[in-house]
């Protein structure tokens, strides 16, 4: 495991992109930064009993957020609609919760 200070914003961004590819079971090379959740990226199923891809993305967002970021998500001040949004969000949350971001992104 890398020390927290050994990682660049680009590495967090790239690892976040890999996380999305893993969640959706697609090659990372096939992801476009402008791909939209519920657009180009679709959940494989909807169930009350089992988590789908969108649930996992949502859990990631909650798991790395601090109190202030949670408020921004709930109020709509921060919206994560695209691959790029997710990657940028992870980079922003790394500033306040590096340990959480490391865990979620699988560093």
PDB file of N, CA and C in Angstrom:
ATOM      1  N   UNK A   1       0.850  -1.194   0.000  1.00  0.00           N
ATOM      2  CA  UNK A   1       0.000   0.000   0.000  1.00  0.00           C
ATOM      3  C   UNK A   1       0.888   1.248   0.000  1.00  0.00           C
ATOM      4  N   UNK A   2       0.541   2.191  -0.838  1.00  0.00           N
ATOM      5  CA  UNK A   2       1.318   3.421  -0.929  1.00  0.00           C
ATOM      6  C   UNK A   2       1.016   4.329   0.259  1.00  0.00           C
ATOM      7  N   UNK A   3       1.998   5.138   0.602  1.00  0.00           N
ATOM      8  CA  UNK A   3       1.747   6.169   1.612  1.00  0.00           C
ATOM      9  C   UNK A   3       0.857   7.236   0.972  1.00  0.00           C
ATOM     10  N   UNK A   4       0.047   7.896   1.768  1.00  0.00           N
ATOM     11  CA  UNK A   4      -0.911   8.858   1.237  1.00  0.00           C
ATOM     12  C   UNK A   4      -0.255   9.962   0.413  1.00  0.00           C
ATOM     13  N   UNK A   5       0.928  10.362   0.791  1.00  0.00           N
ATOM     14  CA  UNK A   5       1.571  11.479   0.109  1.00  0.00           C
ATOM     15  C   UNK A   5       2.269  11.058  -1.177  1.00  0.00           C
ATOM     16  N   UNK A   6       2.270   9.759  -1.474  1.00  0.00           N
ATOM     17  CA  UNK A   6       2.955   9.273  -2.671  1.00  0.00           C
ATOM     18  C   UNK A   6       2.069   9.247  -3.907  1.00  0.00           C
ATOM     19  N   UNK A   7       0.906   9.829  -3.834  1.00  0.00           N
ATOM     20  CA  UNK A   7      -0.034   9.728  -4.940  1.00  0.00           C
ATOM     21  C   UNK A   7      -0.347  11.116  -5.491  1.00  0.00           C
ATOM     22  N   UNK A   8      -0.422  11.196  -6.815  1.00  0.00           N
ATOM     23  CA  UNK A   8      -0.738  12.469  -7.470  1.00  0.00           C
ATOM     24  C   UNK A   8      -2.222  12.525  -7.798  1.00  0.00           C
ATOM     25  N   UNK A   9      -2.683  13.717  -8.131  1.00  0.00           N
ATOM     26  CA  UNK A   9      -4.082  13.873  -8.542  1.00  0.00           C
ATOM     27  C   UNK A   9      -4.356  12.989  -9.761  1.00  0.00           C
ATOM     28  N   UNK A  10      -3.402  12.919 -10.684  1.00  0.00           N
ATOM     29  CA  UNK A  10      -3.585  12.106 -11.891  1.00  0.00           C
ATOM     30  C   UNK A  10      -3.729  10.623 -11.536  1.00  0.00           C
ATOM     31  N   UNK A  11      -2.974  10.169 -10.557  1.00  0.00           N
ATOM     32  CA  UNK A  11      -3.070   8.762 -10.146  1.00  0.00           C
ATOM     33  C   UNK A  11      -4.433   8.470  -9.501  1.00  0.00           C
ATOM     34  N   UNK A  12      -4.929   9.406  -8.706  1.00  0.00           N
ATOM     35  CA  UNK A  12      -6.263   9.246  -8.112  1.00  0.00           C
ATOM     36  C   UNK A  12      -7.300   9.214  -9.229  1.00  0.00           C
ATOM     37  N   UNK A  13      -7.181  10.145 -10.156  1.00  0.00           N
ATOM     38  CA  UNK A  13      -8.107  10.237 -11.287  1.00  0.00           C
ATOM     39  C   UNK A  13      -8.117   8.918 -12.067  1.00  0.00           C
ATOM     40  N   UNK A  14      -6.934   8.405 -12.391  1.00  0.00           N
ATOM     41  CA  UNK A  14      -6.810   7.164 -13.164  1.00  0.00           C
ATOM     42  C   UNK A  14      -7.361   5.972 -12.393  1.00  0.00           C
ATOM     43  N   UNK A  15      -7.103   5.945 -11.100  1.00  0.00           N
ATOM     44  CA  UNK A  15      -7.595   4.837 -10.276  1.00  0.00           C
ATOM     45  C   UNK A  15      -9.121   4.890 -10.163  1.00  0.00           C
ATOM     46  N   UNK A  16      -9.674   6.099 -10.112  1.00  0.00           N
ATOM     47  CA  UNK A  16     -11.129   6.270 -10.066  1.00  0.00           C
ATOM     48  C   UNK A  16     -11.750   5.753 -11.364  1.00  0.00           C
ATOM     49  N   UNK A  17     -11.105   6.037 -12.481  1.00  0.00           N
ATOM     50  CA  UNK A  17     -11.594   5.551 -13.781  1.00  0.00           C
ATOM     51  C   UNK A  17     -11.557   4.017 -13.815  1.00  0.00           C
ATOM     52  N   UNK A  18     -10.499   3.439 -13.278  1.00  0.00           N
ATOM     53  CA  UNK A  18     -10.396   1.972 -13.208  1.00  0.00           C
ATOM     54  C   UNK A  18     -11.509   1.393 -12.335  1.00  0.00           C
ATOM     55  N   UNK A  19     -11.834   2.089 -11.263  1.00  0.00           N
ATOM     56  CA  UNK A  19     -12.901   1.636 -10.364  1.00  0.00           C
ATOM     57  C   UNK A  19     -14.238   1.575 -11.114  1.00  0.00           C
ATOM     58  N   UNK A  20     -14.532   2.585 -11.900  1.00  0.00           N
ATOM     59  CA  UNK A  20     -15.779   2.584 -12.675  1.00  0.00           C
ATOM     60  C   UNK A  20     -15.786   1.415 -13.663  1.00  0.00           C
ATOM     61  N   UNK A  21     -14.672   1.218 -14.343  1.00  0.00           N
ATOM     62  CA  UNK A  21     -14.577   0.112 -15.308  1.00  0.00           C
ATOM     63  C   UNK A  21     -14.822  -1.222 -14.609  1.00  0.00           C
ATOM     64  N   UNK A  22     -14.265  -1.367 -13.423  1.00  0.00           N
ATOM     65  CA  UNK A  22     -14.443  -2.610 -12.664  1.00  0.00           C
ATOM     66  C   UNK A  22     -15.912  -2.795 -12.262  1.00  0.00           C
ATOM     67  N   UNK A  23     -16.526  -1.733 -11.756  1.00  0.00           N
ATOM     68  CA  UNK A  23     -17.932  -1.806 -11.333  1.00  0.00           C
ATOM     69  C   UNK A  23     -18.835  -2.215 -12.501  1.00  0.00           C
ATOM     70  N   UNK A  24     -18.576  -1.653 -13.680  1.00  0.00           N
ATOM     71  CA  UNK A  24     -19.420  -1.930 -14.841  1.00  0.00           C
ATOM     72  C   UNK A  24     -18.910  -3.110 -15.673  1.00  0.00           C
ATOM     73  N   UNK A  25     -17.815  -3.733 -15.230  1.00  0.00           N
ATOM     74  CA  UNK A  25     -17.239  -4.899 -15.919  1.00  0.00           C
ATOM     75  C   UNK A  25     -16.949  -4.624 -17.393  1.00  0.00           C
ATOM     76  N   UNK A  26     -16.281  -3.485 -17.617  1.00  0.00           N
ATOM     77  CA  UNK A  26     -15.886  -3.133 -18.985  1.00  0.00           C
ATOM     78  C   UNK A  26     -14.408  -2.732 -18.973  1.00  0.00           C
ATOM     79  N   UNK A  27     -13.739  -2.822 -20.126  1.00  0.00           N
ATOM     80  CA  UNK A  27     -12.329  -2.405 -20.169  1.00  0.00           C
ATOM     81  C   UNK A  27     -12.200  -0.901 -19.919  1.00  0.00           C
ATOM     82  N   UNK A  28     -11.207  -0.527 -19.138  1.00  0.00           N
ATOM     83  CA  UNK A  28     -11.015   0.896 -18.808  1.00  0.00           C
ATOM     84  C   UNK A  28     -10.788   1.715 -20.076  1.00  0.00           C
ATOM     85  N   UNK A  29     -10.172   1.104 -21.088  1.00  0.00           N
ATOM     86  CA  UNK A  29      -9.904   1.816 -22.351  1.00  0.00           C
ATOM     87  C   UNK A  29     -11.200   2.213 -23.060  1.00  0.00           C
ATOM     88  N   UNK A  30     -12.282   1.492 -22.768  1.00  0.00           N
ATOM     89  CA  UNK A  30     -13.542   1.788 -23.459  1.00  0.00           C
ATOM     90  C   UNK A  30     -14.313   2.924 -22.788  1.00  0.00           C
ATOM     91  N   UNK A  31     -13.863   3.362 -21.626  1.00  0.00           N
ATOM     92  CA  UNK A  31     -14.543   4.462 -20.928  1.00  0.00           C
ATOM     93  C   UNK A  31     -14.150   5.806 -21.528  1.00  0.00           C
ATOM     94  N   UNK A  32     -15.149   6.633 -21.724  1.00  0.00           N
ATOM     95  CA  UNK A  32     -14.922   8.001 -22.147  1.00  0.00           C
ATOM     96  C   UNK A  32     -15.252   8.898 -20.954  1.00  0.00           C
ATOM     97  N   UNK A  33     -14.482   9.950 -20.742  1.00  0.00           N
ATOM     98  CA  UNK A  33     -14.732  10.831 -19.595  1.00  0.00           C
ATOM     99  C   UNK A  33     -16.127  11.445 -19.624  1.00  0.00           C
ATOM    100  N   UNK A  34     -16.704  11.571 -20.788  1.00  0.00           N
ATOM    101  CA  UNK A  34     -18.035  12.175 -20.918  1.00  0.00           C
ATOM    102  C   UNK A  34     -19.157  11.134 -20.815  1.00  0.00           C
ATOM    103  N   UNK A  35     -18.809   9.839 -20.677  1.00  0.00           N
ATOM    104  CA  UNK A  35     -19.832   8.812 -20.516  1.00  0.00           C
ATOM    105  C   UNK A  35     -20.678   9.137 -19.292  1.00  0.00           C
ATOM    106  N   UNK A  36     -21.990   9.039 -19.469  1.00  0.00           N
ATOM    107  CA  UNK A  36     -22.925   9.393 -18.403  1.00  0.00           C
ATOM    108  C   UNK A  36     -23.472   8.139 -17.723  1.00  0.00           C
ATOM    109  N   UNK A  37     -23.630   8.250 -16.407  1.00  0.00           N
ATOM    110  CA  UNK A  37     -24.319   7.193 -15.668  1.00  0.00           C
ATOM    111  C   UNK A  37     -25.787   7.276 -16.070  1.00  0.00           C
ATOM    112  N   UNK A  38     -26.355   6.166 -16.413  1.00  0.00           N
ATOM    113  CA  UNK A  38     -27.727   6.066 -16.921  1.00  0.00           C
ATOM    114  C   UNK A  38     -27.835   6.640 -18.328  1.00  0.00           C
ATOM    115  N   UNK A  39     -26.706   6.794 -18.989  1.00  0.00           N
ATOM    116  CA  UNK A  39     -26.649   7.175 -20.412  1.00  0.00           C
ATOM    117  C   UNK A  39     -25.866   6.063 -21.079  1.00  0.00           C
ATOM    118  N   UNK A  40     -24.588   6.339 -21.351  1.00  0.00           N
ATOM    119  CA  UNK A  40     -23.714   5.314 -21.937  1.00  0.00           C
ATOM    120  C   UNK A  40     -23.488   4.161 -20.956  1.00  0.00           C
ATOM    121  N   UNK A  41     -23.461   4.483 -19.673  1.00  0.00           N
ATOM    122  CA  UNK A  41     -23.258   3.451 -18.642  1.00  0.00           C
ATOM    123  C   UNK A  41     -24.600   3.116 -18.005  1.00  0.00           C
ATOM    124  N   UNK A  42     -25.035   1.896 -18.186  1.00  0.00           N
ATOM    125  CA  UNK A  42     -26.331   1.455 -17.689  1.00  0.00           C
ATOM    126  C   UNK A  42     -26.168   0.417 -16.576  1.00  0.00           C
ATOM    127  N   UNK A  43     -27.054   0.473 -15.613  1.00  0.00           N
ATOM    128  CA  UNK A  43     -27.089  -0.569 -14.579  1.00  0.00           C
ATOM    129  C   UNK A  43     -27.608  -1.850 -15.228  1.00  0.00           C
ATOM    130  N   UNK A  44     -27.070  -2.972 -14.814  1.00  0.00           N
ATOM    131  CA  UNK A  44     -27.450  -4.233 -15.441  1.00  0.00           C
ATOM    132  C   UNK A  44     -28.799  -4.744 -14.952  1.00  0.00           C
ATOM    133  N   UNK A  45     -29.279  -4.235 -13.817  1.00  0.00           N
ATOM    134  CA  UNK A  45     -30.559  -4.685 -13.281  1.00  0.00           C
ATOM    135  C   UNK A  45     -31.024  -3.703 -12.225  1.00  0.00           C
ATOM    136  N   UNK A  46     -32.275  -3.805 -11.864  1.00  0.00           N
ATOM    137  CA  UNK A  46     -32.818  -3.019 -10.757  1.00  0.00           C
ATOM    138  C   UNK A  46     -33.477  -4.010  -9.800  1.00  0.00           C
ATOM    139  N   UNK A  47     -33.067  -3.939  -8.539  1.00  0.00           N
ATOM    140  CA  UNK A  47     -33.591  -4.882  -7.551  1.00  0.00           C
ATOM    141  C   UNK A  47     -33.609  -4.222  -6.185  1.00  0.00           C
ATOM    142  N   UNK A  48     -34.589  -4.601  -5.392  1.00  0.00           N
ATOM    143  CA  UNK A  48     -34.622  -4.122  -4.015  1.00  0.00           C
ATOM    144  C   UNK A  48     -33.720  -4.946  -3.117  1.00  0.00           C
ATOM    145  N   UNK A  49     -33.220  -6.048  -3.645  1.00  0.00           N
ATOM    146  CA  UNK A  49     -32.497  -6.998  -2.801  1.00  0.00           C
ATOM    147  C   UNK A  49     -31.001  -7.081  -3.084  1.00  0.00           C
ATOM    148  N   UNK A  50     -30.576  -6.617  -4.239  1.00  0.00           N
ATOM    149  CA  UNK A  50     -29.167  -6.729  -4.590  1.00  0.00           C
ATOM    150  C   UNK A  50     -28.696  -5.402  -5.170  1.00  0.00           C
ATOM    151  N   UNK A  51     -27.482  -5.002  -4.817  1.00  0.00           N
ATOM    152  CA  UNK A  51     -26.945  -3.729  -5.307  1.00  0.00           C
ATOM    153  C   UNK A  51     -26.560  -3.832  -6.780  1.00  0.00           C
ATOM    154  N   UNK A  52     -26.922  -2.796  -7.555  1.00  0.00           N
ATOM    155  CA  UNK A  52     -26.467  -2.732  -8.939  1.00  0.00           C
ATOM    156  C   UNK A  52     -25.302  -1.746  -9.054  1.00  0.00           C
ATOM    157  N   UNK A  53     -24.870  -1.490 -10.271  1.00  0.00           N
ATOM    158  CA  UNK A  53     -23.712  -0.626 -10.499  1.00  0.00           C
ATOM    159  C   UNK A  53     -23.931   0.789  -9.959  1.00  0.00           C
ATOM    160  N   UNK A  54     -25.130   1.327 -10.154  1.00  0.00           N
ATOM    161  CA  UNK A  54     -25.401   2.682  -9.668  1.00  0.00           C
ATOM    162  C   UNK A  54     -25.383   2.745  -8.149  1.00  0.00           C
ATOM    163  N   UNK A  55     -25.870   1.696  -7.502  1.00  0.00           N
ATOM    164  CA  UNK A  55     -25.807   1.633  -6.042  1.00  0.00           C
ATOM    165  C   UNK A  55     -24.352   1.691  -5.587  1.00  0.00           C
ATOM    166  N   UNK A  56     -23.492   0.926  -6.262  1.00  0.00           N
ATOM    167  CA  UNK A  56     -22.074   0.887  -5.884  1.00  0.00           C
ATOM    168  C   UNK A  56     -21.418   2.248  -6.074  1.00  0.00           C
ATOM    169  N   UNK A  57     -21.733   2.925  -7.169  1.00  0.00           N
ATOM    170  CA  UNK A  57     -21.199   4.275  -7.404  1.00  0.00           C
ATOM    171  C   UNK A  57     -21.678   5.207  -6.286  1.00  0.00           C
ATOM    172  N   UNK A  58     -22.952   5.133  -5.949  1.00  0.00           N
ATOM    173  CA  UNK A  58     -23.507   5.972  -4.895  1.00  0.00           C
ATOM    174  C   UNK A  58     -22.843   5.688  -3.542  1.00  0.00           C
ATOM    175  N   UNK A  59     -22.629   4.418  -3.228  1.00  0.00           N
ATOM    176  CA  UNK A  59     -21.939   4.074  -1.972  1.00  0.00           C
ATOM    177  C   UNK A  59     -20.533   4.656  -1.963  1.00  0.00           C
ATOM    178  N   UNK A  60     -19.838   4.571  -3.091  1.00  0.00           N
ATOM    179  CA  UNK A  60     -18.495   5.155  -3.184  1.00  0.00           C
ATOM    180  C   UNK A  60     -18.537   6.637  -2.842  1.00  0.00           C
ATOM    181  N   UNK A  61     -19.488   7.345  -3.443  1.00  0.00           N
ATOM    182  CA  UNK A  61     -19.595   8.790  -3.228  1.00  0.00           C
ATOM    183  C   UNK A  61     -19.837   9.101  -1.759  1.00  0.00           C
ATOM    184  N   UNK A  62     -20.702   8.322  -1.126  1.00  0.00           N
ATOM    185  CA  UNK A  62     -21.004   8.534   0.294  1.00  0.00           C
ATOM    186  C   UNK A  62     -19.811   8.163   1.180  1.00  0.00           C
ATOM    187  N   UNK A  63     -19.145   7.065   0.841  1.00  0.00           N
ATOM    188  CA  UNK A  63     -18.050   6.553   1.672  1.00  0.00           C
ATOM    189  C   UNK A  63     -16.854   7.495   1.760  1.00  0.00           C
ATOM    190  N   UNK A  64     -16.613   8.273   0.712  1.00  0.00           N
ATOM    191  CA  UNK A  64     -15.436   9.152   0.726  1.00  0.00           C
ATOM    192  C   UNK A  64     -15.766  10.581   1.139  1.00  0.00           C
ATOM    193  N   UNK A  65     -17.057  10.903   1.221  1.00  0.00           N
ATOM    194  CA  UNK A  65     -17.467  12.282   1.502  1.00  0.00           C
ATOM    195  C   UNK A  65     -17.317  12.633   2.976  1.00  0.00           C
ATOM    196  N   UNK A  66     -16.921  13.860   3.221  1.00  0.00           N
ATOM    197  CA  UNK A  66     -16.984  14.389   4.579  1.00  0.00           C
ATOM    198  C   UNK A  66     -18.354  15.065   4.726  1.00  0.00           C
ATOM    199  N   UNK A  67     -18.619  15.612   5.890  1.00  0.00           N
ATOM    200  CA  UNK A  67     -19.927  16.215   6.178  1.00  0.00           C
ATOM    201  C   UNK A  67     -20.291  17.301   5.163  1.00  0.00           C
ATOM    202  N   UNK A  68     -19.343  18.137   4.849  1.00  0.00           N
ATOM    203  CA  UNK A  68     -19.590  19.247   3.935  1.00  0.00           C
ATOM    204  C   UNK A  68     -19.911  18.738   2.519  1.00  0.00           C
ATOM    205  N   UNK A  69     -19.188  17.717   2.065  1.00  0.00           N
ATOM    206  CA  UNK A  69     -19.436  17.179   0.725  1.00  0.00           C
ATOM    207  C   UNK A  69     -20.786  16.461   0.675  1.00  0.00           C
ATOM    208  N   UNK A  70     -21.149  15.792   1.757  1.00  0.00           N
ATOM    209  CA  UNK A  70     -22.468  15.130   1.802  1.00  0.00           C
ATOM    210  C   UNK A  70     -23.585  16.159   1.638  1.00  0.00           C
ATOM    211  N   UNK A  71     -23.422  17.310   2.310  1.00  0.00           N
ATOM    212  CA  UNK A  71     -24.422  18.377   2.197  1.00  0.00           C
ATOM    213  C   UNK A  71     -24.516  18.872   0.751  1.00  0.00           C
ATOM    214  N   UNK A  72     -23.354  19.025   0.105  1.00  0.00           N
ATOM    215  CA  UNK A  72     -23.338  19.498  -1.286  1.00  0.00           C
ATOM    216  C   UNK A  72     -24.007  18.490  -2.211  1.00  0.00           C
ATOM    217  N   UNK A  73     -23.796  17.205  -1.951  1.00  0.00           N
ATOM    218  CA  UNK A  73     -24.451  16.163  -2.753  1.00  0.00           C
ATOM    219  C   UNK A  73     -25.964  16.213  -2.559  1.00  0.00           C
ATOM    220  N   UNK A  74     -26.375  16.298  -1.298  1.00  0.00           N
ATOM    221  CA  UNK A  74     -27.813  16.293  -0.986  1.00  0.00           C
ATOM    222  C   UNK A  74     -28.517  17.525  -1.538  1.00  0.00           C
ATOM    223  N   UNK A  75     -27.841  18.659  -1.524  1.00  0.00           N
ATOM    224  CA  UNK A  75     -28.458  19.902  -1.988  1.00  0.00           C
ATOM    225  C   UNK A  75     -28.406  20.033  -3.510  1.00  0.00           C
ATOM    226  N   UNK A  76     -27.589  19.206  -4.158  1.00  0.00           N
ATOM    227  CA  UNK A  76     -27.453  19.302  -5.610  1.00  0.00           C
ATOM    228  C   UNK A  76     -26.364  20.261  -6.047  1.00  0.00           C
ATOM    229  N   UNK A  77     -25.624  20.837  -5.082  1.00  0.00           N
ATOM    230  CA  UNK A  77     -24.503  21.718  -5.434  1.00  0.00           C
ATOM    231  C   UNK A  77     -23.387  20.925  -6.117  1.00  0.00           C
ATOM    232  N   UNK A  78     -23.258  19.666  -5.760  1.00  0.00           N
ATOM    233  CA  UNK A  78     -22.309  18.768  -6.412  1.00  0.00           C
ATOM    234  C   UNK A  78     -23.115  17.627  -7.029  1.00  0.00           C
ATOM    235  N   UNK A  79     -22.926  17.424  -8.320  1.00  0.00           N
ATOM    236  CA  UNK A  79     -23.643  16.382  -9.045  1.00  0.00           C
ATOM    237  C   UNK A  79     -22.625  15.527  -9.786  1.00  0.00           C
ATOM    238  N   UNK A  80     -22.776  14.224  -9.667  1.00  0.00           N
ATOM    239  CA  UNK A  80     -21.865  13.294 -10.340  1.00  0.00           C
ATOM    240  C   UNK A  80     -22.671  12.535 -11.393  1.00  0.00           C
ATOM    241  N   UNK A  81     -22.550  13.005 -12.646  1.00  0.00           N
ATOM    242  CA  UNK A  81     -23.294  12.408 -13.752  1.00  0.00           C
ATOM    243  C   UNK A  81     -22.422  11.639 -14.732  1.00  0.00           C
ATOM    244  N   UNK A  82     -21.127  11.978 -14.769  1.00  0.00           N
ATOM    245  CA  UNK A  82     -20.240  11.399 -15.784  1.00  0.00           C
ATOM    246  C   UNK A  82     -19.036  10.727 -15.137  1.00  0.00           C
ATOM    247  N   UNK A  83     -18.300   9.999 -15.949  1.00  0.00           N
ATOM    248  CA  UNK A  83     -17.051   9.383 -15.505  1.00  0.00           C
ATOM    249  C   UNK A  83     -16.116  10.472 -14.980  1.00  0.00           C
ATOM    250  N   UNK A  84     -16.012  11.560 -15.719  1.00  0.00           N
ATOM    251  CA  UNK A  84     -15.148  12.668 -15.310  1.00  0.00           C
ATOM    252  C   UNK A  84     -15.590  13.260 -13.969  1.00  0.00           C
ATOM    253  N   UNK A  85     -16.896  13.431 -13.780  1.00  0.00           N
ATOM    254  CA  UNK A  85     -17.423  13.956 -12.510  1.00  0.00           C
ATOM    255  C   UNK A  85     -16.972  13.065 -11.346  1.00  0.00           C
ATOM    256  N   UNK A  86     -17.111  11.753 -11.536  1.00  0.00           N
ATOM    257  CA  UNK A  86     -16.738  10.787 -10.488  1.00  0.00           C
ATOM    258  C   UNK A  86     -15.246  10.909 -10.169  1.00  0.00           C
ATOM    259  N   UNK A  87     -14.427  10.969 -11.202  1.00  0.00           N
ATOM    260  CA  UNK A  87     -12.971  11.051 -11.003  1.00  0.00           C
ATOM    261  C   UNK A  87     -12.583  12.349 -10.294  1.00  0.00           C
ATOM    262  N   UNK A  88     -13.186  13.463 -10.726  1.00  0.00           N
ATOM    263  CA  UNK A  88     -12.908  14.758 -10.099  1.00  0.00           C
ATOM    264  C   UNK A  88     -13.401  14.779  -8.647  1.00  0.00           C
ATOM    265  N   UNK A  89     -14.527  14.173  -8.409  1.00  0.00           N
ATOM    266  CA  UNK A  89     -15.087  14.078  -7.059  1.00  0.00           C
ATOM    267  C   UNK A  89     -14.122  13.330  -6.140  1.00  0.00           C
ATOM    268  N   UNK A  90     -13.589  12.215  -6.631  1.00  0.00           N
ATOM    269  CA  UNK A  90     -12.634  11.437  -5.831  1.00  0.00           C
ATOM    270  C   UNK A  90     -11.390  12.261  -5.524  1.00  0.00           C
ATOM    271  N   UNK A  91     -10.931  13.023  -6.497  1.00  0.00           N
ATOM    272  CA  UNK A  91      -9.766  13.887  -6.280  1.00  0.00           C
ATOM    273  C   UNK A  91     -10.077  14.946  -5.217  1.00  0.00           C
ATOM    274  N   UNK A  92     -11.266  15.532  -5.274  1.00  0.00           N
ATOM    275  CA  UNK A  92     -11.663  16.550  -4.294  1.00  0.00           C
ATOM    276  C   UNK A  92     -11.771  15.943  -2.901  1.00  0.00           C
ATOM    277  N   UNK A  93     -12.360  14.763  -2.815  1.00  0.00           N
ATOM    278  CA  UNK A  93     -12.538  14.125  -1.503  1.00  0.00           C
ATOM    279  C   UNK A  93     -11.211  13.647  -0.927  1.00  0.00           C
ATOM    280  N   UNK A  94     -10.254  13.366  -1.785  1.00  0.00           N
ATOM    281  CA  UNK A  94      -8.934  12.931  -1.318  1.00  0.00           C
ATOM    282  C   UNK A  94      -8.302  13.990  -0.422  1.00  0.00           C
ATOM    283  N   UNK A  95      -8.605  15.253  -0.714  1.00  0.00           N
ATOM    284  CA  UNK A  95      -8.042  16.361   0.081  1.00  0.00           C
ATOM    285  C   UNK A  95      -8.467  16.282   1.543  1.00  0.00           C
ATOM    286  N   UNK A  96      -9.694  15.826   1.805  1.00  0.00           N
ATOM    287  CA  UNK A  96     -10.211  15.791   3.172  1.00  0.00           C
ATOM    288  C   UNK A  96     -10.279  14.385   3.765  1.00  0.00           C
ATOM    289  N   UNK A  97     -10.272  13.363   2.903  1.00  0.00           N
ATOM    290  CA  UNK A  97     -10.410  11.988   3.382  1.00  0.00           C
ATOM    291  C   UNK A  97      -9.539  11.037   2.556  1.00  0.00           C
ATOM    292  N   UNK A  98      -8.217  11.214   2.617  1.00  0.00           N
ATOM    293  CA  UNK A  98      -7.343  10.365   1.790  1.00  0.00           C
ATOM    294  C   UNK A  98      -7.503   8.879   2.095  1.00  0.00           C
ATOM    295  N   UNK A  99      -7.676   8.554   3.355  1.00  0.00           N
ATOM    296  CA  UNK A  99      -7.796   7.144   3.741  1.00  0.00           C
ATOM    297  C   UNK A  99      -9.036   6.505   3.118  1.00  0.00           C
ATOM    298  N   UNK A 100     -10.148   7.225   3.165  1.00  0.00           N
ATOM    299  CA  UNK A 100     -11.392   6.726   2.582  1.00  0.00           C
ATOM    300  C   UNK A 100     -11.290   6.533   1.077  1.00  0.00           C
ATOM    301  N   UNK A 101     -10.670   7.496   0.415  1.00  0.00           N
ATOM    302  CA  UNK A 101     -10.504   7.412  -1.047  1.00  0.00           C
ATOM    303  C   UNK A 101      -9.586   6.241  -1.402  1.00  0.00           C
ATOM    304  N   UNK A 102      -8.512   6.078  -0.643  1.00  0.00           N
ATOM    305  CA  UNK A 102      -7.610   4.938  -0.873  1.00  0.00           C
ATOM    306  C   UNK A 102      -8.366   3.625  -0.778  1.00  0.00           C
ATOM    307  N   UNK A 103      -9.194   3.516   0.249  1.00  0.00           N
ATOM    308  CA  UNK A 103      -9.926   2.268   0.491  1.00  0.00           C
ATOM    309  C   UNK A 103     -10.919   1.997  -0.637  1.00  0.00           C
ATOM    310  N   UNK A 104     -11.718   3.004  -0.984  1.00  0.00           N
ATOM    311  CA  UNK A 104     -12.748   2.840  -2.005  1.00  0.00           C
ATOM    312  C   UNK A 104     -12.127   2.537  -3.380  1.00  0.00           C
ATOM    313  N   UNK A 105     -11.049   3.231  -3.699  1.00  0.00           N
ATOM    314  CA  UNK A 105     -10.448   3.048  -5.029  1.00  0.00           C
ATOM    315  C   UNK A 105      -9.506   1.844  -5.105  1.00  0.00           C
ATOM    316  N   UNK A 106      -9.250   1.223  -3.982  1.00  0.00           N
ATOM    317  CA  UNK A 106      -8.458   0.003  -3.996  1.00  0.00           C
ATOM    318  C   UNK A 106      -6.969   0.216  -4.250  1.00  0.00           C
ATOM    319  N   UNK A 107      -6.415   1.274  -3.703  1.00  0.00           N
ATOM    320  CA  UNK A 107      -4.961   1.495  -3.823  1.00  0.00           C
ATOM    321  C   UNK A 107      -4.211   0.441  -3.036  1.00  0.00           C
TER     322      UNK A 107
END
